[in-house]
Amino acid sequence: MKSYSNTRKSPSSASAGRASNGSLRLDLTGQLHHTLRRVSPGFRFHLITADPDDDKFADCAIAAEADYLITEDRHFDVLKTAGYKPQPITPEEFIRRHLGGA
């Protein structure tokens, strides 16, 4: 996943092609399935003090008003008590709750 803080940097021409292809794929998937929404957080919440590089994912989840942030990273447990909508959930738990799987 490309972090939102890196999207404004000038990439090399080779990586620019990969980035534009990735953006195009995300745009097309969103148009076909109506499951993706591009967000640009206007505020940095600085919630993940144990690993500040993870903040970008929490910021995007909060800005998108996501129900869940699917992760196995325990740094996101701070979201459980931070007062924001997205809650961390493991992939296995998400599947169990929402897809009826194991």
C-alpha atoms as a PDB file:
ATOM      1  CA  MET A   1       0.000   0.000   0.000  1.00  0.00           C
ATOM      2  CA  LYS A   2       1.366   3.398  -0.898  1.00  0.00           C
ATOM      3  CA  SER A   3       1.372   5.803   2.013  1.00  0.00           C
ATOM      4  CA  TYR A   4      -0.395   9.098   1.518  1.00  0.00           C
ATOM      5  CA  SER A   5       2.673  11.018   2.684  1.00  0.00           C
ATOM      6  CA  ASN A   6       4.683   9.607  -0.220  1.00  0.00           C
ATOM      7  CA  THR A   7       2.211  10.426  -2.986  1.00  0.00           C
ATOM      8  CA  ARG A   8       3.441  14.005  -3.427  1.00  0.00           C
ATOM      9  CA  LYS A   9       7.126  13.088  -3.910  1.00  0.00           C
ATOM     10  CA  SER A  10       8.576  13.036  -7.407  1.00  0.00           C
ATOM     11  CA  PRO A  11       9.285   9.381  -8.198  1.00  0.00           C
ATOM     12  CA  SER A  12      11.736   8.153 -10.799  1.00  0.00           C
ATOM     13  CA  SER A  13      10.284   7.489 -14.238  1.00  0.00           C
ATOM     14  CA  ALA A  14      10.265   3.693 -13.680  1.00  0.00           C
ATOM     15  CA  SER A  15       8.513   3.926 -10.337  1.00  0.00           C
ATOM     16  CA  ALA A  16       6.195   6.622 -11.710  1.00  0.00           C
ATOM     17  CA  GLY A  17       4.912   4.115 -14.265  1.00  0.00           C
ATOM     18  CA  ARG A  18       4.326   1.514 -11.551  1.00  0.00           C
ATOM     19  CA  ALA A  19       2.632   4.079  -9.319  1.00  0.00           C
ATOM     20  CA  SER A  20       0.313   5.269 -12.083  1.00  0.00           C
ATOM     21  CA  ASN A  21      -0.518   1.652 -12.996  1.00  0.00           C
ATOM     22  CA  GLY A  22      -1.304   0.921  -9.357  1.00  0.00           C
ATOM     23  CA  SER A  23      -3.498   4.008  -9.100  1.00  0.00           C
ATOM     24  CA  LEU A  24      -5.253   3.063 -12.326  1.00  0.00           C
ATOM     25  CA  ARG A  25      -5.938  -0.458 -11.001  1.00  0.00           C
ATOM     26  CA  LEU A  26      -7.345   0.945  -7.763  1.00  0.00           C
ATOM     27  CA  ASP A  27      -9.524   3.408  -9.672  1.00  0.00           C
ATOM     28  CA  LEU A  28     -10.861   0.696 -11.980  1.00  0.00           C
ATOM     29  CA  THR A  29     -11.517  -1.690  -9.089  1.00  0.00           C
ATOM     30  CA  GLY A  30     -13.386   1.037  -7.258  1.00  0.00           C
ATOM     31  CA  GLN A  31     -15.500   1.789 -10.312  1.00  0.00           C
ATOM     32  CA  LEU A  32     -16.321  -1.866 -10.905  1.00  0.00           C
ATOM     33  CA  HIS A  33     -17.052  -2.914  -7.354  1.00  0.00           C
ATOM     34  CA  HIS A  34     -17.890   0.356  -5.594  1.00  0.00           C
ATOM     35  CA  THR A  35     -15.802  -0.814  -2.646  1.00  0.00           C
ATOM     36  CA  LEU A  36     -12.908   1.644  -2.691  1.00  0.00           C
ATOM     37  CA  ARG A  37     -12.809   5.282  -1.730  1.00  0.00           C
ATOM     38  CA  ARG A  38      -9.742   7.475  -2.053  1.00  0.00           C
ATOM     39  CA  VAL A  39      -9.139   9.597   1.029  1.00  0.00           C
ATOM     40  CA  SER A  40      -6.706  12.393   1.756  1.00  0.00           C
ATOM     41  CA  PRO A  41      -6.515  12.970   5.493  1.00  0.00           C
ATOM     42  CA  GLY A  42      -6.521  16.666   6.289  1.00  0.00           C
ATOM     43  CA  PHE A  43      -5.217  16.066   9.799  1.00  0.00           C
ATOM     44  CA  ARG A  44      -2.549  13.872  11.339  1.00  0.00           C
ATOM     45  CA  PHE A  45      -3.770  12.282  14.553  1.00  0.00           C
ATOM     46  CA  HIS A  46      -0.401  10.959  15.835  1.00  0.00           C
ATOM     47  CA  LEU A  47      -2.034   8.022  17.627  1.00  0.00           C
ATOM     48  CA  ILE A  48       0.508   5.271  17.013  1.00  0.00           C
ATOM     49  CA  THR A  49       3.328   6.350  19.306  1.00  0.00           C
ATOM     50  CA  ALA A  50       4.953   2.886  19.331  1.00  0.00           C
ATOM     51  CA  ASP A  51       5.532   3.080  15.552  1.00  0.00           C
ATOM     52  CA  PRO A  52       4.843   6.549  14.100  1.00  0.00           C
ATOM     53  CA  ASP A  53       5.232   5.214  10.540  1.00  0.00           C
ATOM     54  CA  ASP A  54       1.901   3.395  11.111  1.00  0.00           C
ATOM     55  CA  ASP A  55       0.091   6.693  11.726  1.00  0.00           C
ATOM     56  CA  LYS A  56      -0.632   7.128   8.014  1.00  0.00           C
ATOM     57  CA  PHE A  57      -2.832   4.022   8.042  1.00  0.00           C
ATOM     58  CA  ALA A  58      -4.726   5.085  11.171  1.00  0.00           C
ATOM     59  CA  ASP A  59      -5.155   8.597   9.715  1.00  0.00           C
ATOM     60  CA  CYS A  60      -6.608   7.192   6.487  1.00  0.00           C
ATOM     61  CA  ALA A  61      -8.957   4.834   8.346  1.00  0.00           C
ATOM     62  CA  ILE A  62     -10.223   7.696  10.532  1.00  0.00           C
ATOM     63  CA  ALA A  63     -10.623  10.082   7.573  1.00  0.00           C
ATOM     64  CA  ALA A  64     -12.520   7.393   5.641  1.00  0.00           C
ATOM     65  CA  GLU A  65     -14.745   6.725   8.658  1.00  0.00           C
ATOM     66  CA  ALA A  66     -13.899   3.040   8.224  1.00  0.00           C
ATOM     67  CA  ASP A  67     -15.496   0.518  10.538  1.00  0.00           C
ATOM     68  CA  TYR A  68     -12.330  -1.557  10.776  1.00  0.00           C
ATOM     69  CA  LEU A  69      -8.620  -1.417  10.193  1.00  0.00           C
ATOM     70  CA  ILE A  70      -7.696  -4.996   9.316  1.00  0.00           C
ATOM     71  CA  THR A  71      -4.274  -5.761  10.750  1.00  0.00           C
ATOM     72  CA  GLU A  72      -2.252  -8.114  12.891  1.00  0.00           C
ATOM     73  CA  ASP A  73      -0.103  -5.220  14.135  1.00  0.00           C
ATOM     74  CA  ARG A  74      -0.702  -4.650  17.856  1.00  0.00           C
ATOM     75  CA  HIS A  75       0.387  -1.001  17.544  1.00  0.00           C
ATOM     76  CA  PHE A  76      -3.125  -0.269  16.292  1.00  0.00           C
ATOM     77  CA  ASP A  77      -4.706  -1.462  19.561  1.00  0.00           C
ATOM     78  CA  VAL A  78      -4.601   2.189  20.663  1.00  0.00           C
ATOM     79  CA  LEU A  79      -7.581   2.741  18.334  1.00  0.00           C
ATOM     80  CA  LYS A  80      -9.737   0.609  20.652  1.00  0.00           C
ATOM     81  CA  THR A  81      -9.811   3.405  23.228  1.00  0.00           C
ATOM     82  CA  ALA A  82      -8.984   6.490  21.140  1.00  0.00           C
ATOM     83  CA  GLY A  83     -12.615   7.440  20.532  1.00  0.00           C
ATOM     84  CA  TYR A  84     -12.533   7.103  16.744  1.00  0.00           C
ATOM     85  CA  LYS A  85     -14.741   4.839  14.639  1.00  0.00           C
ATOM     86  CA  PRO A  86     -12.214   2.439  13.063  1.00  0.00           C
ATOM     87  CA  GLN A  87     -11.409  -0.525  15.254  1.00  0.00           C
ATOM     88  CA  PRO A  88      -8.427  -2.824  14.704  1.00  0.00           C
ATOM     89  CA  ILE A  89      -9.380  -6.372  13.795  1.00  0.00           C
ATOM     90  CA  THR A  90      -7.315  -9.332  12.643  1.00  0.00           C
ATOM     91  CA  PRO A  91      -7.989 -10.785   9.202  1.00  0.00           C
ATOM     92  CA  GLU A  92      -9.148 -14.034  10.808  1.00  0.00           C
ATOM     93  CA  GLU A  93     -11.609 -12.246  13.086  1.00  0.00           C
ATOM     94  CA  PHE A  94     -12.946 -10.157  10.204  1.00  0.00           C
ATOM     95  CA  ILE A  95     -13.532 -13.285   8.125  1.00  0.00           C
ATOM     96  CA  ARG A  96     -15.189 -15.046  11.045  1.00  0.00           C
ATOM     97  CA  ARG A  97     -17.530 -12.131  11.795  1.00  0.00           C
ATOM     98  CA  HIS A  98     -18.372 -10.914   8.320  1.00  0.00           C
ATOM     99  CA  LEU A  99     -17.761 -13.673   5.839  1.00  0.00           C
ATOM    100  CA  GLY A 100     -18.821 -16.670   7.902  1.00  0.00           C
ATOM    101  CA  GLY A 101     -15.431 -18.340   7.585  1.00  0.00           C
ATOM    102  CA  ALA A 102     -13.195 -20.125  10.051  1.00  0.00           C
END
